[in-house]
PDB file of all heavy atoms in Angstrom:
ATOM      1  N   GLY A   1      -1.441 -74.888  40.875  1.00  0.00           N
ATOM      2  CA  GLY A   1      -1.200 -75.191  42.271  1.00  0.00           C
ATOM      3  C   GLY A   1      -1.364 -76.653  42.607  1.00  0.00           C
ATOM      4  O   GLY A   1      -0.969 -77.554  41.869  1.00  0.00           O
ATOM      5  N   THR A   2      -1.981 -76.895  43.762  1.00  0.00           N
ATOM      6  CA  THR A   2      -2.118 -78.246  44.277  1.00  0.00           C
ATOM      7  C   THR A   2      -2.948 -79.133  43.352  1.00  0.00           C
ATOM      8  O   THR A   2      -2.632 -80.308  43.162  1.00  0.00           O
ATOM      9  CB  THR A   2      -2.761 -78.209  45.678  1.00  0.00           C
ATOM     10  OG1 THR A   2      -1.968 -77.365  46.519  1.00  0.00           O
ATOM     11  CG2 THR A   2      -2.825 -79.597  46.280  1.00  0.00           C
ATOM     12  N   ASP A   3      -4.004 -78.578  42.768  1.00  0.00           N
ATOM     13  CA  ASP A   3      -4.839 -79.377  41.868  1.00  0.00           C
ATOM     14  C   ASP A   3      -4.029 -79.880  40.682  1.00  0.00           C
ATOM     15  O   ASP A   3      -4.154 -81.039  40.275  1.00  0.00           O
ATOM     16  CB  ASP A   3      -6.028 -78.547  41.361  1.00  0.00           C
ATOM     17  CG  ASP A   3      -7.068 -78.302  42.444  1.00  0.00           C
ATOM     18  OD1 ASP A   3      -7.030 -79.022  43.457  1.00  0.00           O
ATOM     19  OD2 ASP A   3      -7.890 -77.398  42.266  1.00  0.00           O
ATOM     20  N   ARG A   4      -3.212 -79.000  40.128  1.00  0.00           N
ATOM     21  CA  ARG A   4      -2.409 -79.396  38.986  1.00  0.00           C
ATOM     22  C   ARG A   4      -1.388 -80.470  39.385  1.00  0.00           C
ATOM     23  O   ARG A   4      -1.123 -81.397  38.629  1.00  0.00           O
ATOM     24  CB  ARG A   4      -1.703 -78.165  38.410  1.00  0.00           C
ATOM     25  CG  ARG A   4      -0.963 -78.469  37.141  1.00  0.00           C
ATOM     26  CD  ARG A   4      -0.462 -77.279  36.391  1.00  0.00           C
ATOM     27  NE  ARG A   4      -0.551 -76.000  37.048  1.00  0.00           N
ATOM     28  CZ  ARG A   4       0.226 -74.981  36.706  1.00  0.00           C
ATOM     29  NH1 ARG A   4       1.144 -75.131  35.780  1.00  0.00           N
ATOM     30  NH2 ARG A   4       0.103 -73.819  37.289  1.00  0.00           N
ATOM     31  N   LEU A   5      -0.826 -80.317  40.570  1.00  0.00           N
ATOM     32  CA  LEU A   5       0.138 -81.296  41.057  1.00  0.00           C
ATOM     33  C   LEU A   5      -0.515 -82.660  41.228  1.00  0.00           C
ATOM     34  O   LEU A   5       0.017 -83.689  40.788  1.00  0.00           O
ATOM     35  CB  LEU A   5       0.721 -80.817  42.387  1.00  0.00           C
ATOM     36  CG  LEU A   5       1.656 -81.770  43.114  1.00  0.00           C
ATOM     37  CD1 LEU A   5       2.874 -82.084  42.270  1.00  0.00           C
ATOM     38  CD2 LEU A   5       2.077 -81.186  44.459  1.00  0.00           C
ATOM     39  N   GLU A   6      -1.670 -82.691  41.857  1.00  0.00           N
ATOM     40  CA  GLU A   6      -2.365 -83.968  42.062  1.00  0.00           C
ATOM     41  C   GLU A   6      -2.754 -84.590  40.724  1.00  0.00           C
ATOM     42  O   GLU A   6      -2.666 -85.812  40.542  1.00  0.00           O
ATOM     43  CB  GLU A   6      -3.609 -83.757  42.922  1.00  0.00           C
ATOM     44  CG  GLU A   6      -3.312 -83.386  44.365  1.00  0.00           C
ATOM     45  CD  GLU A   6      -2.615 -84.488  45.139  1.00  0.00           C
ATOM     46  OE1 GLU A   6      -2.590 -85.652  44.666  1.00  0.00           O
ATOM     47  OE2 GLU A   6      -2.083 -84.202  46.226  1.00  0.00           O
ATOM     48  N   ALA A   7      -3.176 -83.748  39.776  1.00  0.00           N
ATOM     49  CA  ALA A   7      -3.531 -84.272  38.459  1.00  0.00           C
ATOM     50  C   ALA A   7      -2.311 -84.855  37.769  1.00  0.00           C
ATOM     51  O   ALA A   7      -2.388 -85.900  37.113  1.00  0.00           O
ATOM     52  CB  ALA A   7      -4.148 -83.161  37.604  1.00  0.00           C
ATOM     53  N   ALA A   8      -1.167 -84.199  37.895  1.00  0.00           N
ATOM     54  CA  ALA A   8       0.060 -84.710  37.288  1.00  0.00           C
ATOM     55  C   ALA A   8       0.458 -86.051  37.898  1.00  0.00           C
ATOM     56  O   ALA A   8       0.862 -86.984  37.190  1.00  0.00           O
ATOM     57  CB  ALA A   8       1.194 -83.699  37.453  1.00  0.00           C
ATOM     58  N   ILE A   9       0.324 -86.165  39.216  1.00  0.00           N
ATOM     59  CA  ILE A   9       0.648 -87.422  39.883  1.00  0.00           C
ATOM     60  C   ILE A   9      -0.303 -88.523  39.417  1.00  0.00           C
ATOM     61  O   ILE A   9       0.121 -89.652  39.112  1.00  0.00           O
ATOM     62  CB  ILE A   9       0.592 -87.244  41.414  1.00  0.00           C
ATOM     63  CG1 ILE A   9       1.770 -86.380  41.885  1.00  0.00           C
ATOM     64  CG2 ILE A   9       0.612 -88.597  42.126  1.00  0.00           C
ATOM     65  CD1 ILE A   9       1.710 -86.010  43.349  1.00  0.00           C
ATOM     66  N   ASP A  10      -1.589 -88.209  39.347  1.00  0.00           N
ATOM     67  CA  ASP A  10      -2.564 -89.206  38.906  1.00  0.00           C
ATOM     68  C   ASP A  10      -2.263 -89.687  37.486  1.00  0.00           C
ATOM     69  O   ASP A  10      -2.327 -90.896  37.194  1.00  0.00           O
ATOM     70  CB  ASP A  10      -3.979 -88.628  38.971  1.00  0.00           C
ATOM     71  CG  ASP A  10      -4.475 -88.438  40.396  1.00  0.00           C
ATOM     72  OD1 ASP A  10      -3.860 -89.024  41.316  1.00  0.00           O
ATOM     73  OD2 ASP A  10      -5.461 -87.694  40.582  1.00  0.00           O
ATOM     74  N   ARG A  11      -1.930 -88.743  36.599  1.00  0.00           N
ATOM     75  CA  ARG A  11      -1.644 -89.125  35.221  1.00  0.00           C
ATOM     76  C   ARG A  11      -0.373 -89.968  35.125  1.00  0.00           C
ATOM     77  O   ARG A  11      -0.297 -90.916  34.348  1.00  0.00           O
ATOM     78  CB  ARG A  11      -1.534 -87.879  34.336  1.00  0.00           C
ATOM     79  CG  ARG A  11      -2.869 -87.211  34.045  1.00  0.00           C
ATOM     80  CD  ARG A  11      -2.741 -86.197  32.926  1.00  0.00           C
ATOM     81  NE  ARG A  11      -1.890 -85.084  33.292  1.00  0.00           N
ATOM     82  CZ  ARG A  11      -2.327 -83.976  33.922  1.00  0.00           C
ATOM     83  NH1 ARG A  11      -3.607 -83.879  34.272  1.00  0.00           N
ATOM     84  NH2 ARG A  11      -1.499 -82.985  34.191  1.00  0.00           N
ATOM     85  N   ALA A  12       0.618 -89.600  35.939  1.00  0.00           N
ATOM     86  CA  ALA A  12       1.858 -90.375  35.936  1.00  0.00           C
ATOM     87  C   ALA A  12       1.612 -91.794  36.418  1.00  0.00           C
ATOM     88  O   ALA A  12       2.101 -92.770  35.829  1.00  0.00           O
ATOM     89  CB  ALA A  12       2.901 -89.682  36.812  1.00  0.00           C
ATOM     90  N   GLU A  13       0.844 -91.932  37.489  1.00  0.00           N
ATOM     91  CA  GLU A  13       0.593 -93.271  38.034  1.00  0.00           C
ATOM     92  C   GLU A  13      -0.230 -94.110  37.057  1.00  0.00           C
ATOM     93  O   GLU A  13       0.012 -95.318  36.922  1.00  0.00           O
ATOM     94  CB  GLU A  13      -0.096 -93.139  39.390  1.00  0.00           C
ATOM     95  CG  GLU A  13       0.848 -92.579  40.461  1.00  0.00           C
ATOM     96  CD  GLU A  13       0.169 -92.358  41.797  1.00  0.00           C
ATOM     97  OE1 GLU A  13      -1.087 -92.256  41.822  1.00  0.00           O
ATOM     98  OE2 GLU A  13       0.885 -92.273  42.816  1.00  0.00           O
ATOM     99  N   GLU A  14      -1.190 -93.488  36.375  1.00  0.00           N
ATOM    100  CA  GLU A  14      -1.968 -94.220  35.378  1.00  0.00           C
ATOM    101  C   GLU A  14      -1.074 -94.648  34.220  1.00  0.00           C
ATOM    102  O   GLU A  14      -1.166 -95.792  33.731  1.00  0.00           O
ATOM    103  CB  GLU A  14      -3.111 -93.343  34.862  1.00  0.00           C
ATOM    104  CG  GLU A  14      -3.941 -93.989  33.764  1.00  0.00           C
ATOM    105  CD  GLU A  14      -4.592 -95.294  34.206  1.00  0.00           C
ATOM    106  OE1 GLU A  14      -4.899 -95.439  35.411  1.00  0.00           O
ATOM    107  OE2 GLU A  14      -4.787 -96.185  33.338  1.00  0.00           O
ATOM    108  N   ARG A  15      -0.202 -93.768  33.786  1.00  0.00           N
ATOM    109  CA  ARG A  15       0.730 -94.116  32.707  1.00  0.00           C
ATOM    110  C   ARG A  15       1.609 -95.305  33.112  1.00  0.00           C
ATOM    111  O   ARG A  15       1.853 -96.220  32.313  1.00  0.00           O
ATOM    112  CB  ARG A  15       1.595 -92.880  32.408  1.00  0.00           C
ATOM    113  CG  ARG A  15       2.854 -93.133  31.589  1.00  0.00           C
ATOM    114  CD  ARG A  15       2.573 -93.232  30.125  1.00  0.00           C
ATOM    115  NE  ARG A  15       3.796 -93.415  29.352  1.00  0.00           N
ATOM    116  CZ  ARG A  15       3.853 -93.436  28.034  1.00  0.00           C
ATOM    117  NH1 ARG A  15       2.737 -93.283  27.333  1.00  0.00           N
ATOM    118  NH2 ARG A  15       4.992 -93.604  27.405  1.00  0.00           N
ATOM    119  N   LEU A  16       2.054 -95.308  34.348  1.00  0.00           N
ATOM    120  CA  LEU A  16       2.956 -96.373  34.797  1.00  0.00           C
ATOM    121  C   LEU A  16       2.236 -97.701  34.994  1.00  0.00           C
ATOM    122  O   LEU A  16       2.849 -98.762  34.896  1.00  0.00           O
ATOM    123  CB  LEU A  16       3.666 -95.938  36.079  1.00  0.00           C
ATOM    124  CG  LEU A  16       4.680 -94.807  35.856  1.00  0.00           C
ATOM    125  CD1 LEU A  16       5.155 -94.232  37.175  1.00  0.00           C
ATOM    126  CD2 LEU A  16       5.863 -95.307  35.025  1.00  0.00           C
ATOM    127  N   ARG A  17       0.945 -97.639  35.261  1.00  0.00           N
ATOM    128  CA  ARG A  17       0.186 -98.896  35.292  1.00  0.00           C
ATOM    129  C   ARG A  17       0.132 -99.512  33.891  1.00  0.00           C
ATOM    130  O   ARG A  17       0.147-100.735  33.734  1.00  0.00           O
ATOM    131  CB  ARG A  17      -1.225 -98.647  35.822  1.00  0.00           C
ATOM    132  CG  ARG A  17      -1.298 -98.554  37.347  1.00  0.00           C
ATOM    133  CD  ARG A  17      -2.720 -98.545  37.861  1.00  0.00           C
ATOM    134  NE  ARG A  17      -3.389 -97.272  37.593  1.00  0.00           N
ATOM    135  CZ  ARG A  17      -3.371 -96.240  38.433  1.00  0.00           C
ATOM    136  NH1 ARG A  17      -2.694 -96.324  39.573  1.00  0.00           N
ATOM    137  NH2 ARG A  17      -4.013 -95.127  38.139  1.00  0.00           N
ATOM    138  N   GLN A  18       0.089 -98.657  32.891  1.00  0.00           N
ATOM    139  CA  GLN A  18       0.024 -99.134  31.510  1.00  0.00           C
ATOM    140  C   GLN A  18       1.411 -99.460  30.942  1.00  0.00           C
ATOM    141  O   GLN A  18       1.569-100.423  30.193  1.00  0.00           O
ATOM    142  CB  GLN A  18      -0.655 -98.077  30.634  1.00  0.00           C
ATOM    143  CG  GLN A  18      -2.092 -97.774  31.033  1.00  0.00           C
ATOM    144  CD  GLN A  18      -2.668 -96.604  30.264  1.00  0.00           C
ATOM    145  OE1 GLN A  18      -2.028 -96.061  29.363  1.00  0.00           O
ATOM    146  NE2 GLN A  18      -3.880 -96.187  30.624  1.00  0.00           N
ATOM    147  N   VAL A  19       2.412 -98.630  31.324  1.00  0.00           N
ATOM    148  CA  VAL A  19       3.771 -98.803  30.785  1.00  0.00           C
ATOM    149  C   VAL A  19       4.746 -98.756  31.953  1.00  0.00           C
ATOM    150  O   VAL A  19       5.402 -97.741  32.203  1.00  0.00           O
ATOM    151  CB  VAL A  19       4.115 -97.716  29.750  1.00  0.00           C
ATOM    152  CG1 VAL A  19       5.437 -98.038  29.047  1.00  0.00           C
ATOM    153  CG2 VAL A  19       2.995 -97.527  28.751  1.00  0.00           C
ATOM    154  N   PRO A  20       4.856 -99.838  32.715  1.00  0.00           N
ATOM    155  CA  PRO A  20       5.690 -99.806  33.927  1.00  0.00           C
ATOM    156  C   PRO A  20       7.170 -99.609  33.660  1.00  0.00           C
ATOM    157  O   PRO A  20       7.915 -99.269  34.581  1.00  0.00           O
ATOM    158  CB  PRO A  20       5.414-101.166  34.569  1.00  0.00           C
ATOM    159  CG  PRO A  20       4.901-102.027  33.467  1.00  0.00           C
ATOM    160  CD  PRO A  20       4.158-101.132  32.550  1.00  0.00           C
ATOM    161  N   GLY A  21       7.609 -99.792  32.426  1.00  0.00           N
ATOM    162  CA  GLY A  21       9.016 -99.605  32.106  1.00  0.00           C
ATOM    163  C   GLY A  21       9.362 -98.211  31.628  1.00  0.00           C
ATOM    164  O   GLY A  21      10.485 -97.983  31.156  1.00  0.00           O
ATOM    165  N   ASP A  22       8.455 -97.248  31.761  1.00  0.00           N
ATOM    166  CA  ASP A  22       8.685 -95.880  31.286  1.00  0.00           C
ATOM    167  C   ASP A  22       9.500 -95.118  32.336  1.00  0.00           C
ATOM    168  O   ASP A  22       8.964 -94.500  33.246  1.00  0.00           O
ATOM    169  CB  ASP A  22       7.346 -95.202  31.044  1.00  0.00           C
ATOM    170  CG  ASP A  22       7.487 -93.794  30.466  1.00  0.00           C
ATOM    171  OD1 ASP A  22       8.624 -93.299  30.409  1.00  0.00           O
ATOM    172  OD2 ASP A  22       6.461 -93.212  30.101  1.00  0.00           O
ATOM    173  N   TYR A  23      10.811 -95.141  32.184  1.00  0.00           N
ATOM    174  CA  TYR A  23      11.683 -94.527  33.182  1.00  0.00           C
ATOM    175  C   TYR A  23      11.539 -93.009  33.228  1.00  0.00           C
ATOM    176  O   TYR A  23      11.760 -92.380  34.266  1.00  0.00           O
ATOM    177  CB  TYR A  23      13.137 -94.918  32.930  1.00  0.00           C
ATOM    178  CG  TYR A  23      13.782 -94.297  31.713  1.00  0.00           C
ATOM    179  CD1 TYR A  23      14.464 -93.085  31.816  1.00  0.00           C
ATOM    180  CD2 TYR A  23      13.724 -94.911  30.464  1.00  0.00           C
ATOM    181  CE1 TYR A  23      15.054 -92.516  30.701  1.00  0.00           C
ATOM    182  CE2 TYR A  23      14.305 -94.348  29.351  1.00  0.00           C
ATOM    183  CZ  TYR A  23      14.978 -93.143  29.473  1.00  0.00           C
ATOM    184  OH  TYR A  23      15.554 -92.571  28.380  1.00  0.00           O
ATOM    185  N   VAL A  24      11.148 -92.395  32.107  1.00  0.00           N
ATOM    186  CA  VAL A  24      10.933 -90.946  32.082  1.00  0.00           C
ATOM    187  C   VAL A  24       9.793 -90.564  33.024  1.00  0.00           C
ATOM    188  O   VAL A  24       9.884 -89.619  33.806  1.00  0.00           O
ATOM    189  CB  VAL A  24      10.634 -90.481  30.649  1.00  0.00           C
ATOM    190  CG1 VAL A  24      10.238 -89.010  30.626  1.00  0.00           C
ATOM    191  CG2 VAL A  24      11.833 -90.714  29.749  1.00  0.00           C
ATOM    192  N   THR A  25       8.712 -91.334  32.958  1.00  0.00           N
ATOM    193  CA  THR A  25       7.568 -91.032  33.811  1.00  0.00           C
ATOM    194  C   THR A  25       7.872 -91.327  35.278  1.00  0.00           C
ATOM    195  O   THR A  25       7.411 -90.613  36.171  1.00  0.00           O
ATOM    196  CB  THR A  25       6.336 -91.813  33.337  1.00  0.00           C
ATOM    197  OG1 THR A  25       6.068 -91.453  31.985  1.00  0.00           O
ATOM    198  CG2 THR A  25       5.118 -91.497  34.185  1.00  0.00           C
ATOM    199  N   TRP A  26       8.667 -92.389  35.541  1.00  0.00           N
ATOM    200  CA  TRP A  26       9.071 -92.647  36.928  1.00  0.00           C
ATOM    201  C   TRP A  26       9.836 -91.440  37.486  1.00  0.00           C
ATOM    202  O   TRP A  26       9.640 -91.037  38.641  1.00  0.00           O
ATOM    203  CB  TRP A  26       9.929 -93.899  37.016  1.00  0.00           C
ATOM    204  CG  TRP A  26       9.164 -95.186  37.033  1.00  0.00           C
ATOM    205  CD1 TRP A  26       9.135 -96.153  36.076  1.00  0.00           C
ATOM    206  CD2 TRP A  26       8.304 -95.661  38.092  1.00  0.00           C
ATOM    207  NE1 TRP A  26       8.310 -97.193  36.448  1.00  0.00           N
ATOM    208  CE2 TRP A  26       7.790 -96.920  37.684  1.00  0.00           C
ATOM    209  CE3 TRP A  26       7.922 -95.145  39.328  1.00  0.00           C
ATOM    210  CZ2 TRP A  26       6.927 -97.670  38.482  1.00  0.00           C
ATOM    211  CZ3 TRP A  26       7.055 -95.889  40.130  1.00  0.00           C
ATOM    212  CH2 TRP A  26       6.563 -97.136  39.695  1.00  0.00           C
ATOM    213  N   ALA A  27      10.720 -90.865  36.671  1.00  0.00           N
ATOM    214  CA  ALA A  27      11.477 -89.694  37.130  1.00  0.00           C
ATOM    215  C   ALA A  27      10.552 -88.509  37.382  1.00  0.00           C
ATOM    216  O   ALA A  27      10.691 -87.783  38.376  1.00  0.00           O
ATOM    217  CB  ALA A  27      12.543 -89.328  36.108  1.00  0.00           C
ATOM    218  N   ALA A  28       9.590 -88.301  36.475  1.00  0.00           N
ATOM    219  CA  ALA A  28       8.644 -87.202  36.646  1.00  0.00           C
ATOM    220  C   ALA A  28       7.790 -87.407  37.897  1.00  0.00           C
ATOM    221  O   ALA A  28       7.495 -86.461  38.632  1.00  0.00           O
ATOM    222  CB  ALA A  28       7.758 -87.087  35.414  1.00  0.00           C
ATOM    223  N   LEU A  29       7.385 -88.653  38.142  1.00  0.00           N
ATOM    224  CA  LEU A  29       6.577 -88.945  39.331  1.00  0.00           C
ATOM    225  C   LEU A  29       7.376 -88.662  40.601  1.00  0.00           C
ATOM    226  O   LEU A  29       6.856 -88.087  41.567  1.00  0.00           O
ATOM    227  CB  LEU A  29       6.118 -90.400  39.306  1.00  0.00           C
ATOM    228  CG  LEU A  29       5.281 -90.859  40.502  1.00  0.00           C
ATOM    229  CD1 LEU A  29       3.984 -90.060  40.602  1.00  0.00           C
ATOM    230  CD2 LEU A  29       4.981 -92.364  40.396  1.00  0.00           C
TER     231      LEU A  29
END
């Protein structure tokens, strides 16, 4: 549910801070 969604968003944003050119993660976010 919502917890999983928020966790997914947090992980995506952390990934993008490390790899801002990851277009796959931008799409997932």
